[in-house]
Amino acid sequence: MGVAPNATIVNLKVATADGTTTVSAVIDALGWIVENHTYSGTTIRVLNLAFAADPSIPYGLDPLAFAVEQVWFSGVAVVAAAGNAGATATSMASPAYDPYVISVGASDPVGTRSSSDDVVASFSSSGSAIRFPDVLAPGVSVEGLRNPGSFIDWLYPEGRVGDRFFRGSGTSQSTAVVSGAVALLFSKYPSLTPDGAKYALKRGALKIVNAPAILAGSGVIKLDRSKDAAEKASKNPANYAQAWPVSAPVYVPVTAGGSTVGGSSGTVDPYAGSPFVARRWTSAGWTGDIAETDYWLARRWTGASWDGRRWTDAGWTAGAWASAFWGEDVAPDALTAP
């Protein structure tokens, strides 16, 4: 089952059982990928980021965006969820708003097999006039493997499909679909670059009728329509390189005792938002209503995890920020696997 069933998955744990995490934990994991993506015969070509942080500052000043760019420039395609703030959003989430990722919104197949009648999912985040979702992929009532006894399995038993599967909605689900599609492109065209893969997906996407690009991007991915573009991009990668401004290394002053740190402070949702809060996770037809528990309201994702107290941990100390990941020569163990 899955878009790329023969792909090998390398899982980097950055969050607790209920999804709580810190930016520093995520950045440490990104650094590990840069250092180890070709280690010991294991080649990591695609990074799936199914979480969303509040884009409170421009991507060029965002430490998380800078870290993601280093992964992209190392040859690993980064696929990130646009977020679930809906059509009224004025920006995608971080790091999806960074142009050096493949940003993914959600489409709604409206219960049919054909893509011709797809619409943009009601929860899928809009972007800005400058940066909006690159592509869409199905994100409504998507079935995946169930993790029995997990937090989400316990909190939303109505999402279970038999004993083996679990159904959910959100741009996180769409992101996983696109990550699998990128893995297939890399398998078919090994010399394809992240920039080339992004170009091919956008080139082959099927536009959604009457949906503005700021919400739907290039449309729903169609791999069969992307093959020719991927082949061309794999033969002449320089012709398809992006030329967006890159982020600058951001050194954040951290003081003992919990001073608030400027930058990407905000909320984070590893499951990319509102589908865990309201009707998307209710039973049967995924309509109706469900109580908004403290675990999935915004306040659950604020507080200690994102204020200065948590920004003072090892992930933000000089050792991690001075490593080769940030462009300076230090001992190879400056960053450790999470």
C-alpha atoms as a PDB file:
ATOM      1  CA  MET A   1       0.000   0.000   0.000  1.00  0.00           C
ATOM      2  CA  GLY A   2       1.201   3.509  -0.687  1.00  0.00           C
ATOM      3  CA  VAL A   3       2.443   5.641  -3.559  1.00  0.00           C
ATOM      4  CA  ALA A   4       5.998   4.263  -3.424  1.00  0.00           C
ATOM      5  CA  PRO A   5       5.669   0.879  -1.670  1.00  0.00           C
ATOM      6  CA  ASN A   6       9.287  -0.124  -2.276  1.00  0.00           C
ATOM      7  CA  ALA A   7      10.762   3.024  -0.764  1.00  0.00           C
ATOM      8  CA  THR A   8      12.846   2.715   2.392  1.00  0.00           C
ATOM      9  CA  ILE A   9      11.750   4.970   5.243  1.00  0.00           C
ATOM     10  CA  VAL A  10      14.226   6.528   7.671  1.00  0.00           C
ATOM     11  CA  ASN A  11      12.276   7.827  10.657  1.00  0.00           C
ATOM     12  CA  LEU A  12      13.741  10.671  12.727  1.00  0.00           C
ATOM     13  CA  LYS A  13      11.832  11.168  15.961  1.00  0.00           C
ATOM     14  CA  VAL A  14      11.474  14.835  16.890  1.00  0.00           C
ATOM     15  CA  ALA A  15       8.251  14.875  18.924  1.00  0.00           C
ATOM     16  CA  THR A  16       6.651  13.298  21.956  1.00  0.00           C
ATOM     17  CA  ALA A  17       3.718  10.903  21.724  1.00  0.00           C
ATOM     18  CA  ASP A  18       1.170  13.734  21.605  1.00  0.00           C
ATOM     19  CA  GLY A  19       3.015  15.619  18.874  1.00  0.00           C
ATOM     20  CA  THR A  20       4.686  18.287  21.013  1.00  0.00           C
ATOM     21  CA  THR A  21       8.070  19.363  19.673  1.00  0.00           C
ATOM     22  CA  THR A  22      10.475  22.294  19.487  1.00  0.00           C
ATOM     23  CA  VAL A  23      12.062  24.088  16.570  1.00  0.00           C
ATOM     24  CA  SER A  24      15.501  23.151  17.874  1.00  0.00           C
ATOM     25  CA  ALA A  25      14.609  19.449  17.811  1.00  0.00           C
ATOM     26  CA  VAL A  26      13.472  19.736  14.207  1.00  0.00           C
ATOM     27  CA  ILE A  27      16.569  21.699  13.203  1.00  0.00           C
ATOM     28  CA  ASP A  28      18.822  19.106  14.823  1.00  0.00           C
ATOM     29  CA  ALA A  29      17.100  16.422  12.757  1.00  0.00           C
ATOM     30  CA  LEU A  30      17.526  18.478   9.588  1.00  0.00           C
ATOM     31  CA  GLY A  31      21.217  18.852  10.359  1.00  0.00           C
ATOM     32  CA  TRP A  32      21.506  15.102  10.822  1.00  0.00           C
ATOM     33  CA  ILE A  33      20.025  14.572   7.358  1.00  0.00           C
ATOM     34  CA  VAL A  34      22.526  16.962   5.777  1.00  0.00           C
ATOM     35  CA  GLU A  35      25.398  15.130   7.452  1.00  0.00           C
ATOM     36  CA  ASN A  36      24.156  11.574   6.939  1.00  0.00           C
ATOM     37  CA  HIS A  37      21.907  11.392   3.880  1.00  0.00           C
ATOM     38  CA  THR A  38      24.453   9.227   2.045  1.00  0.00           C
ATOM     39  CA  TYR A  39      25.852   7.442   5.091  1.00  0.00           C
ATOM     40  CA  SER A  40      26.606   3.706   4.997  1.00  0.00           C
ATOM     41  CA  GLY A  41      24.878   2.958   1.715  1.00  0.00           C
ATOM     42  CA  THR A  42      21.572   4.569   2.683  1.00  0.00           C
ATOM     43  CA  THR A  43      20.700   7.402   0.319  1.00  0.00           C
ATOM     44  CA  ILE A  44      17.991   9.760   1.522  1.00  0.00           C
ATOM     45  CA  ARG A  45      16.493  11.566  -1.467  1.00  0.00           C
ATOM     46  CA  VAL A  46      13.175  12.860  -0.112  1.00  0.00           C
ATOM     47  CA  LEU A  47      12.275  14.544   3.192  1.00  0.00           C
ATOM     48  CA  ASN A  48       8.614  14.543   4.217  1.00  0.00           C
ATOM     49  CA  LEU A  49       7.722  17.402   6.588  1.00  0.00           C
ATOM     50  CA  ALA A  50       4.111  16.952   7.648  1.00  0.00           C
ATOM     51  CA  PHE A  51       4.025  19.755  10.190  1.00  0.00           C
ATOM     52  CA  ALA A  52       3.368  23.455  10.161  1.00  0.00           C
ATOM     53  CA  ALA A  53       4.846  26.335  12.149  1.00  0.00           C
ATOM     54  CA  ASP A  54       3.530  29.886  12.332  1.00  0.00           C
ATOM     55  CA  PRO A  55       5.184  31.987   9.580  1.00  0.00           C
ATOM     56  CA  SER A  56       5.680  35.054  11.743  1.00  0.00           C
ATOM     57  CA  ILE A  57       8.734  36.374   9.871  1.00  0.00           C
ATOM     58  CA  PRO A  58       9.975  36.303   6.243  1.00  0.00           C
ATOM     59  CA  TYR A  59      11.509  33.003   5.185  1.00  0.00           C
ATOM     60  CA  GLY A  60      14.864  34.698   4.643  1.00  0.00           C
ATOM     61  CA  LEU A  61      15.119  35.328   8.399  1.00  0.00           C
ATOM     62  CA  ASP A  62      13.570  32.070   9.588  1.00  0.00           C
ATOM     63  CA  PRO A  63      16.077  29.627  11.160  1.00  0.00           C
ATOM     64  CA  LEU A  64      13.821  26.699  10.285  1.00  0.00           C
ATOM     65  CA  ALA A  65      13.646  27.806   6.652  1.00  0.00           C
ATOM     66  CA  PHE A  66      17.426  28.199   6.547  1.00  0.00           C
ATOM     67  CA  ALA A  67      17.869  24.672   7.888  1.00  0.00           C
ATOM     68  CA  VAL A  68      15.430  23.272   5.342  1.00  0.00           C
ATOM     69  CA  GLU A  69      17.311  24.991   2.524  1.00  0.00           C
ATOM     70  CA  GLN A  70      20.534  23.249   3.565  1.00  0.00           C
ATOM     71  CA  VAL A  71      18.741  19.926   3.169  1.00  0.00           C
ATOM     72  CA  TRP A  72      17.496  20.958  -0.289  1.00  0.00           C
ATOM     73  CA  PHE A  73      20.928  22.127  -1.425  1.00  0.00           C
ATOM     74  CA  SER A  74      22.442  18.825  -0.270  1.00  0.00           C
ATOM     75  CA  GLY A  75      20.354  17.051  -2.908  1.00  0.00           C
ATOM     76  CA  VAL A  76      17.382  15.992  -0.794  1.00  0.00           C
ATOM     77  CA  ALA A  77      13.965  17.139  -2.018  1.00  0.00           C
ATOM     78  CA  VAL A  78      11.947  18.654   0.831  1.00  0.00           C
ATOM     79  CA  VAL A  79       8.168  18.224   0.694  1.00  0.00           C
ATOM     80  CA  ALA A  80       6.232  20.345   3.207  1.00  0.00           C
ATOM     81  CA  ALA A  81       2.589  20.809   4.178  1.00  0.00           C
ATOM     82  CA  ALA A  82       1.079  24.160   3.227  1.00  0.00           C
ATOM     83  CA  GLY A  83      -1.056  24.152   6.373  1.00  0.00           C
ATOM     84  CA  ASN A  84      -4.747  23.910   7.153  1.00  0.00           C
ATOM     85  CA  ALA A  85      -5.727  27.547   7.685  1.00  0.00           C
ATOM     86  CA  GLY A  86      -8.062  27.570   4.691  1.00  0.00           C
ATOM     87  CA  ALA A  87      -8.644  30.024   1.869  1.00  0.00           C
ATOM     88  CA  THR A  88      -8.506  33.053   4.172  1.00  0.00           C
ATOM     89  CA  ALA A  89      -4.857  32.450   5.084  1.00  0.00           C
ATOM     90  CA  THR A  90      -2.448  35.130   3.914  1.00  0.00           C
ATOM     91  CA  SER A  91       0.590  32.851   3.953  1.00  0.00           C
ATOM     92  CA  MET A  92       1.432  29.198   3.948  1.00  0.00           C
ATOM     93  CA  ALA A  93       2.987  27.727   7.058  1.00  0.00           C
ATOM     94  CA  SER A  94       6.712  27.531   7.744  1.00  0.00           C
ATOM     95  CA  PRO A  95       8.699  25.915   6.208  1.00  0.00           C
ATOM     96  CA  ALA A  96       6.336  25.451   3.233  1.00  0.00           C
ATOM     97  CA  TYR A  97       6.572  29.169   2.468  1.00  0.00           C
ATOM     98  CA  ASP A  98      10.257  28.786   1.650  1.00  0.00           C
ATOM     99  CA  PRO A  99      10.620  28.487  -2.150  1.00  0.00           C
ATOM    100  CA  TYR A 100      13.282  25.804  -1.782  1.00  0.00           C
ATOM    101  CA  VAL A 101      10.709  23.196  -0.824  1.00  0.00           C
ATOM    102  CA  ILE A 102       7.836  21.531  -2.643  1.00  0.00           C
ATOM    103  CA  SER A 103       4.847  23.042  -0.873  1.00  0.00           C
ATOM    104  CA  VAL A 104       1.722  20.913  -0.880  1.00  0.00           C
ATOM    105  CA  GLY A 105      -1.927  21.818  -0.510  1.00  0.00           C
ATOM    106  CA  ALA A 106      -4.843  19.406  -0.305  1.00  0.00           C
ATOM    107  CA  SER A 107      -7.348  18.488  -2.969  1.00  0.00           C
ATOM    108  CA  ASP A 108     -10.736  16.912  -2.357  1.00  0.00           C
ATOM    109  CA  PRO A 109     -11.589  14.117  -4.836  1.00  0.00           C
ATOM    110  CA  VAL A 110     -15.289  14.529  -3.881  1.00  0.00           C
ATOM    111  CA  GLY A 111     -15.739  10.778  -3.828  1.00  0.00           C
ATOM    112  CA  THR A 112     -14.858  10.055  -7.468  1.00  0.00           C
ATOM    113  CA  ARG A 113     -11.891   8.397  -9.165  1.00  0.00           C
ATOM    114  CA  SER A 114     -11.506  11.084 -11.806  1.00  0.00           C
ATOM    115  CA  SER A 115      -9.311  14.100 -11.083  1.00  0.00           C
ATOM    116  CA  SER A 116     -11.282  16.293 -13.459  1.00  0.00           C
ATOM    117  CA  ASP A 117     -13.875  17.173 -10.815  1.00  0.00           C
ATOM    118  CA  ASP A 118     -11.460  17.645  -7.910  1.00  0.00           C
ATOM    119  CA  VAL A 119     -11.709  20.798  -5.831  1.00  0.00           C
ATOM    120  CA  VAL A 120      -9.390  22.447  -3.336  1.00  0.00           C
ATOM    121  CA  ALA A 121     -10.058  21.074   0.149  1.00  0.00           C
ATOM    122  CA  SER A 122     -11.835  23.595   2.339  1.00  0.00           C
ATOM    123  CA  PHE A 123      -9.077  23.547   4.950  1.00  0.00           C
ATOM    124  CA  SER A 124      -6.092  23.845   2.573  1.00  0.00           C
ATOM    125  CA  SER A 125      -4.081  27.015   3.207  1.00  0.00           C
ATOM    126  CA  SER A 126      -3.868  29.784   0.684  1.00  0.00           C
ATOM    127  CA  GLY A 127      -0.542  31.456   0.043  1.00  0.00           C
ATOM    128  CA  SER A 128       0.535  34.967  -0.872  1.00  0.00           C
ATOM    129  CA  ALA A 129       0.799  36.578  -4.290  1.00  0.00           C
ATOM    130  CA  ILE A 130       4.510  35.756  -4.282  1.00  0.00           C
ATOM    131  CA  ARG A 131       4.541  32.282  -2.751  1.00  0.00           C
ATOM    132  CA  PHE A 132       1.670  29.814  -2.824  1.00  0.00           C
ATOM    133  CA  PRO A 133       1.286  26.012  -2.922  1.00  0.00           C
ATOM    134  CA  ASP A 134       3.287  24.384  -5.686  1.00  0.00           C
ATOM    135  CA  VAL A 135       0.940  21.448  -6.146  1.00  0.00           C
ATOM    136  CA  LEU A 136      -2.026  19.691  -4.593  1.00  0.00           C
ATOM    137  CA  ALA A 137      -2.622  16.039  -3.732  1.00  0.00           C
ATOM    138  CA  PRO A 138      -5.578  14.183  -2.204  1.00  0.00           C
ATOM    139  CA  GLY A 139      -5.956  15.116   1.446  1.00  0.00           C
ATOM    140  CA  VAL A 140      -9.536  14.287   2.436  1.00  0.00           C
ATOM    141  CA  SER A 141     -10.350  11.004   4.198  1.00  0.00           C
ATOM    142  CA  VAL A 142      -7.060   9.411   3.169  1.00  0.00           C
ATOM    143  CA  GLU A 143      -6.442   5.922   4.532  1.00  0.00           C
ATOM    144  CA  GLY A 144      -3.065   4.979   5.967  1.00  0.00           C
ATOM    145  CA  LEU A 145      -1.655   2.398   8.310  1.00  0.00           C
ATOM    146  CA  ARG A 146      -3.012   2.562  11.823  1.00  0.00           C
ATOM    147  CA  ASN A 147      -0.702   2.712  14.845  1.00  0.00           C
ATOM    148  CA  PRO A 148      -2.755   0.887  17.507  1.00  0.00           C
ATOM    149  CA  GLY A 149      -2.590   2.502  20.923  1.00  0.00           C
ATOM    150  CA  SER A 150      -1.029   5.723  19.655  1.00  0.00           C
ATOM    151  CA  PHE A 151      -2.235   9.084  20.909  1.00  0.00           C
ATOM    152  CA  ILE A 152      -4.210   9.875  17.788  1.00  0.00           C
ATOM    153  CA  ASP A 153      -5.606   6.346  17.619  1.00  0.00           C
ATOM    154  CA  TRP A 154      -6.844   6.707  21.185  1.00  0.00           C
ATOM    155  CA  LEU A 155      -8.203  10.230  20.746  1.00  0.00           C
ATOM    156  CA  TYR A 156     -10.064   9.598  17.488  1.00  0.00           C
ATOM    157  CA  PRO A 157     -11.282   5.980  17.395  1.00  0.00           C
ATOM    158  CA  GLU A 158     -13.789   6.970  14.714  1.00  0.00           C
ATOM    159  CA  GLY A 159     -10.866   7.290  12.296  1.00  0.00           C
ATOM    160  CA  ARG A 160     -10.158   3.548  12.441  1.00  0.00           C
ATOM    161  CA  VAL A 161     -10.889   1.489   9.355  1.00  0.00           C
ATOM    162  CA  GLY A 162     -10.938  -2.099  10.510  1.00  0.00           C
ATOM    163  CA  ASP A 163      -7.964  -3.180  12.592  1.00  0.00           C
ATOM    164  CA  ARG A 164      -5.193  -2.138  10.233  1.00  0.00           C
ATOM    165  CA  PHE A 165      -5.986   1.265   8.764  1.00  0.00           C
ATOM    166  CA  PHE A 166      -6.768   4.792   9.903  1.00  0.00           C
ATOM    167  CA  ARG A 167      -8.450   7.552   7.920  1.00  0.00           C
ATOM    168  CA  GLY A 168      -7.527  11.210   8.234  1.00  0.00           C
ATOM    169  CA  SER A 169      -7.667  14.547   6.445  1.00  0.00           C
ATOM    170  CA  GLY A 170      -5.192  17.393   6.137  1.00  0.00           C
ATOM    171  CA  THR A 171      -2.324  18.752   4.100  1.00  0.00           C
ATOM    172  CA  SER A 172      -0.116  16.329   6.024  1.00  0.00           C
ATOM    173  CA  GLN A 173      -1.796  13.485   4.170  1.00  0.00           C
ATOM    174  CA  SER A 174      -1.303  15.312   0.879  1.00  0.00           C
ATOM    175  CA  THR A 175       2.362  15.840   1.684  1.00  0.00           C
ATOM    176  CA  ALA A 176       2.922  12.121   2.157  1.00  0.00           C
ATOM    177  CA  VAL A 177       1.338  11.436  -1.237  1.00  0.00           C
ATOM    178  CA  VAL A 178       3.652  13.931  -2.946  1.00  0.00           C
ATOM    179  CA  SER A 179       6.712  12.585  -1.101  1.00  0.00           C
ATOM    180  CA  GLY A 180       5.943   9.163  -2.540  1.00  0.00           C
ATOM    181  CA  ALA A 181       5.559  10.656  -6.004  1.00  0.00           C
ATOM    182  CA  VAL A 182       8.940  12.390  -5.752  1.00  0.00           C
ATOM    183  CA  ALA A 183      10.528   9.112  -4.634  1.00  0.00           C
ATOM    184  CA  LEU A 184       9.193   7.454  -7.787  1.00  0.00           C
ATOM    185  CA  LEU A 185      10.615  10.238  -9.962  1.00  0.00           C
ATOM    186  CA  PHE A 186      14.041   9.876  -8.362  1.00  0.00           C
ATOM    187  CA  SER A 187      13.886   6.112  -8.810  1.00  0.00           C
ATOM    188  CA  LYS A 188      13.122   6.494 -12.515  1.00  0.00           C
ATOM    189  CA  TYR A 189      15.531   9.397 -13.080  1.00  0.00           C
ATOM    190  CA  PRO A 190      18.444   9.117 -10.583  1.00  0.00           C
ATOM    191  CA  SER A 191      20.162  12.277 -11.856  1.00  0.00           C
ATOM    192  CA  LEU A 192      17.079  14.395 -11.210  1.00  0.00           C
ATOM    193  CA  THR A 193      17.665  17.232  -8.737  1.00  0.00           C
ATOM    194  CA  PRO A 194      15.183  18.598  -6.177  1.00  0.00           C
ATOM    195  CA  ASP A 195      14.666  21.630  -8.428  1.00  0.00           C
ATOM    196  CA  GLY A 196      14.037  19.314 -11.372  1.00  0.00           C
ATOM    197  CA  ALA A 197      11.555  17.206  -9.435  1.00  0.00           C
ATOM    198  CA  LYS A 198       9.645  20.319  -8.403  1.00  0.00           C
ATOM    199  CA  TYR A 199       9.556  21.534 -11.992  1.00  0.00           C
ATOM    200  CA  ALA A 200       8.313  18.163 -13.264  1.00  0.00           C
ATOM    201  CA  LEU A 201       5.502  17.909 -10.721  1.00  0.00           C
ATOM    202  CA  LYS A 202       4.281  21.425 -11.463  1.00  0.00           C
ATOM    203  CA  ARG A 203       4.587  20.918 -15.205  1.00  0.00           C
ATOM    204  CA  GLY A 204       2.494  17.757 -15.130  1.00  0.00           C
ATOM    205  CA  ALA A 205      -0.121  18.897 -12.621  1.00  0.00           C
ATOM    206  CA  LEU A 206      -3.778  19.030 -13.598  1.00  0.00           C
ATOM    207  CA  LYS A 207      -5.270  22.454 -12.974  1.00  0.00           C
ATOM    208  CA  ILE A 208      -8.418  22.744 -10.890  1.00  0.00           C
ATOM    209  CA  VAL A 209     -11.198  24.557 -12.706  1.00  0.00           C
ATOM    210  CA  ASN A 210     -11.990  28.026 -11.354  1.00  0.00           C
ATOM    211  CA  ALA A 211      -9.446  27.728  -8.521  1.00  0.00           C
ATOM    212  CA  PRO A 212      -6.927  30.592  -8.225  1.00  0.00           C
ATOM    213  CA  ALA A 213      -3.230  29.734  -8.232  1.00  0.00           C
ATOM    214  CA  ILE A 214      -2.825  31.384  -4.834  1.00  0.00           C
ATOM    215  CA  LEU A 215      -4.876  28.490  -3.437  1.00  0.00           C
ATOM    216  CA  ALA A 216      -4.416  25.634  -5.919  1.00  0.00           C
ATOM    217  CA  GLY A 217      -0.931  26.264  -7.275  1.00  0.00           C
ATOM    218  CA  SER A 218      -0.262  24.318 -10.465  1.00  0.00           C
ATOM    219  CA  GLY A 219      -2.994  21.818  -9.617  1.00  0.00           C
ATOM    220  CA  VAL A 220      -3.220  18.147  -8.643  1.00  0.00           C
ATOM    221  CA  ILE A 221      -0.105  16.047  -9.273  1.00  0.00           C
ATOM    222  CA  LYS A 222      -0.280  13.596 -12.186  1.00  0.00           C
ATOM    223  CA  LEU A 223       2.858  11.472 -12.472  1.00  0.00           C
ATOM    224  CA  ASP A 224       2.043  10.198 -15.937  1.00  0.00           C
ATOM    225  CA  ARG A 225       2.007  13.802 -17.160  1.00  0.00           C
ATOM    226  CA  SER A 226       5.258  14.625 -15.325  1.00  0.00           C
ATOM    227  CA  LYS A 227       7.509  11.980 -16.867  1.00  0.00           C
ATOM    228  CA  ASP A 228       8.603  13.944 -19.938  1.00  0.00           C
ATOM    229  CA  ALA A 229       9.433  17.013 -17.863  1.00  0.00           C
ATOM    230  CA  ALA A 230      11.353  14.889 -15.354  1.00  0.00           C
ATOM    231  CA  GLU A 231      13.394  13.283 -18.126  1.00  0.00           C
ATOM    232  CA  LYS A 232      14.304  16.674 -19.593  1.00  0.00           C
ATOM    233  CA  ALA A 233      15.220  18.098 -16.202  1.00  0.00           C
ATOM    234  CA  SER A 234      17.375  15.079 -15.364  1.00  0.00           C
ATOM    235  CA  LYS A 235      19.442  15.559 -18.527  1.00  0.00           C
ATOM    236  CA  ASN A 236      20.023  19.302 -18.095  1.00  0.00           C
ATOM    237  CA  PRO A 237      19.625  20.073 -14.381  1.00  0.00           C
ATOM    238  CA  ALA A 238      21.239  23.510 -14.600  1.00  0.00           C
ATOM    239  CA  ASN A 239      18.464  24.689 -16.906  1.00  0.00           C
ATOM    240  CA  TYR A 240      15.871  24.039 -14.222  1.00  0.00           C
ATOM    241  CA  ALA A 241      17.644  25.434 -11.177  1.00  0.00           C
ATOM    242  CA  GLN A 242      15.660  27.895  -9.086  1.00  0.00           C
ATOM    243  CA  ALA A 243      16.990  31.389  -8.509  1.00  0.00           C
ATOM    244  CA  TRP A 244      15.119  32.558  -5.417  1.00  0.00           C
ATOM    245  CA  PRO A 245      17.057  34.502  -2.764  1.00  0.00           C
ATOM    246  CA  VAL A 246      18.431  32.103  -0.177  1.00  0.00           C
ATOM    247  CA  SER A 247      18.032  32.483   3.562  1.00  0.00           C
ATOM    248  CA  ALA A 248      20.847  33.975   5.596  1.00  0.00           C
ATOM    249  CA  PRO A 249      22.379  32.077   8.530  1.00  0.00           C
ATOM    250  CA  VAL A 250      20.582  33.381  11.590  1.00  0.00           C
ATOM    251  CA  TYR A 251      22.449  33.365  14.880  1.00  0.00           C
ATOM    252  CA  VAL A 252      20.000  33.742  17.722  1.00  0.00           C
ATOM    253  CA  PRO A 253      21.223  35.124  21.076  1.00  0.00           C
ATOM    254  CA  VAL A 254      20.170  32.743  23.825  1.00  0.00           C
ATOM    255  CA  THR A 255      20.607  33.535  27.485  1.00  0.00           C
ATOM    256  CA  ALA A 256      20.289  31.304  30.485  1.00  0.00           C
ATOM    257  CA  GLY A 257      17.104  31.553  32.482  1.00  0.00           C
ATOM    258  CA  GLY A 258      14.602  31.600  29.667  1.00  0.00           C
ATOM    259  CA  SER A 259      14.733  34.870  27.759  1.00  0.00           C
ATOM    260  CA  THR A 260      12.355  34.902  24.841  1.00  0.00           C
ATOM    261  CA  VAL A 261      14.052  34.335  21.522  1.00  0.00           C
ATOM    262  CA  GLY A 262      13.015  36.242  18.431  1.00  0.00           C
ATOM    263  CA  GLY A 263      12.486  34.381  15.197  1.00  0.00           C
ATOM    264  CA  SER A 264      10.194  31.489  14.446  1.00  0.00           C
ATOM    265  CA  SER A 265       8.378  31.456  17.744  1.00  0.00           C
ATOM    266  CA  GLY A 266       4.804  30.377  17.227  1.00  0.00           C
ATOM    267  CA  THR A 267       2.709  27.283  17.041  1.00  0.00           C
ATOM    268  CA  VAL A 268       3.565  23.928  15.556  1.00  0.00           C
ATOM    269  CA  ASP A 269       1.237  21.160  14.506  1.00  0.00           C
ATOM    270  CA  PRO A 270       2.837  17.925  13.293  1.00  0.00           C
ATOM    271  CA  TYR A 271      -0.521  16.915  11.886  1.00  0.00           C
ATOM    272  CA  ALA A 272      -0.991  20.292  10.182  1.00  0.00           C
ATOM    273  CA  GLY A 273      -3.945  21.676  11.994  1.00  0.00           C
ATOM    274  CA  SER A 274      -7.641  22.048  11.893  1.00  0.00           C
ATOM    275  CA  PRO A 275      -8.645  18.591  10.639  1.00  0.00           C
ATOM    276  CA  PHE A 276      -7.727  17.412  14.137  1.00  0.00           C
ATOM    277  CA  VAL A 277      -9.846  20.117  15.730  1.00  0.00           C
ATOM    278  CA  ALA A 278     -13.192  19.888  14.020  1.00  0.00           C
ATOM    279  CA  ARG A 279     -15.417  18.037  11.616  1.00  0.00           C
ATOM    280  CA  ARG A 280     -12.717  16.478   9.421  1.00  0.00           C
ATOM    281  CA  TRP A 281     -12.142  13.802  12.065  1.00  0.00           C
ATOM    282  CA  THR A 282     -15.743  12.939  12.803  1.00  0.00           C
ATOM    283  CA  SER A 283     -17.311   9.660  11.873  1.00  0.00           C
ATOM    284  CA  ALA A 284     -18.611   8.076   8.684  1.00  0.00           C
ATOM    285  CA  GLY A 285     -18.845  10.815   6.047  1.00  0.00           C
ATOM    286  CA  TRP A 286     -16.476  13.117   7.959  1.00  0.00           C
ATOM    287  CA  THR A 287     -19.175  15.655   8.617  1.00  0.00           C
ATOM    288  CA  GLY A 288     -20.787  16.775  11.824  1.00  0.00           C
ATOM    289  CA  ASP A 289     -18.992  18.027  14.879  1.00  0.00           C
ATOM    290  CA  ILE A 290     -16.578  16.932  17.566  1.00  0.00           C
ATOM    291  CA  ALA A 291     -15.401  18.496  20.798  1.00  0.00           C
ATOM    292  CA  GLU A 292     -12.323  20.658  20.442  1.00  0.00           C
ATOM    293  CA  THR A 293     -10.067  19.191  23.085  1.00  0.00           C
ATOM    294  CA  ASP A 294      -7.222  21.133  24.618  1.00  0.00           C
ATOM    295  CA  TYR A 295      -4.763  18.844  22.868  1.00  0.00           C
ATOM    296  CA  TRP A 296      -5.630  20.168  19.434  1.00  0.00           C
ATOM    297  CA  LEU A 297      -6.588  23.753  20.113  1.00  0.00           C
ATOM    298  CA  ALA A 298      -3.955  26.379  19.380  1.00  0.00           C
ATOM    299  CA  ARG A 299      -3.188  26.893  23.041  1.00  0.00           C
ATOM    300  CA  ARG A 300      -1.951  23.324  23.287  1.00  0.00           C
ATOM    301  CA  TRP A 301       0.774  24.145  20.802  1.00  0.00           C
ATOM    302  CA  THR A 302       1.907  27.362  22.459  1.00  0.00           C
ATOM    303  CA  GLY A 303       3.538  28.016  25.781  1.00  0.00           C
ATOM    304  CA  ALA A 304       6.638  26.270  27.082  1.00  0.00           C
ATOM    305  CA  SER A 305       7.357  24.402  23.874  1.00  0.00           C
ATOM    306  CA  TRP A 306       7.801  27.612  21.908  1.00  0.00           C
ATOM    307  CA  ASP A 307       8.755  30.313  24.353  1.00  0.00           C
ATOM    308  CA  GLY A 308      12.264  31.198  25.450  1.00  0.00           C
ATOM    309  CA  ARG A 309      12.537  28.449  28.036  1.00  0.00           C
ATOM    310  CA  ARG A 310      12.553  25.731  25.391  1.00  0.00           C
ATOM    311  CA  TRP A 311      14.705  27.740  22.992  1.00  0.00           C
ATOM    312  CA  THR A 312      17.602  27.525  25.413  1.00  0.00           C
ATOM    313  CA  ASP A 313      18.180  23.809  24.987  1.00  0.00           C
ATOM    314  CA  ALA A 314      21.131  22.071  23.373  1.00  0.00           C
ATOM    315  CA  GLY A 315      19.688  22.482  19.902  1.00  0.00           C
ATOM    316  CA  TRP A 316      20.360  26.212  20.105  1.00  0.00           C
ATOM    317  CA  THR A 317      23.730  26.201  21.819  1.00  0.00           C
ATOM    318  CA  ALA A 318      26.907  27.313  20.095  1.00  0.00           C
ATOM    319  CA  GLY A 319      27.978  23.736  19.387  1.00  0.00           C
ATOM    320  CA  ALA A 320      25.090  23.006  17.062  1.00  0.00           C
ATOM    321  CA  TRP A 321      25.125  26.413  15.417  1.00  0.00           C
ATOM    322  CA  ALA A 322      28.845  26.292  14.710  1.00  0.00           C
ATOM    323  CA  SER A 323      28.851  22.916  12.969  1.00  0.00           C
ATOM    324  CA  ALA A 324      29.539  22.141   9.333  1.00  0.00           C
ATOM    325  CA  PHE A 325      25.776  22.227   8.839  1.00  0.00           C
ATOM    326  CA  TRP A 326      25.942  25.976   9.386  1.00  0.00           C
ATOM    327  CA  GLY A 327      28.997  26.434   7.201  1.00  0.00           C
ATOM    328  CA  GLU A 328      31.861  26.336   9.702  1.00  0.00           C
ATOM    329  CA  ASP A 329      34.476  23.670  10.329  1.00  0.00           C
ATOM    330  CA  VAL A 330      34.061  21.802  13.588  1.00  0.00           C
ATOM    331  CA  ALA A 331      34.251  18.254  14.820  1.00  0.00           C
ATOM    332  CA  PRO A 332      31.973  15.883  12.862  1.00  0.00           C
ATOM    333  CA  ASP A 333      30.044  14.962  15.991  1.00  0.00           C
ATOM    334  CA  ALA A 334      28.848  18.520  16.616  1.00  0.00           C
ATOM    335  CA  LEU A 335      25.403  17.433  15.530  1.00  0.00           C
ATOM    336  CA  THR A 336      24.049  14.157  16.791  1.00  0.00           C
ATOM    337  CA  ALA A 337      21.201  12.036  15.570  1.00  0.00           C
ATOM    338  CA  PRO A 338      17.961  12.882  17.328  1.00  0.00           C
END
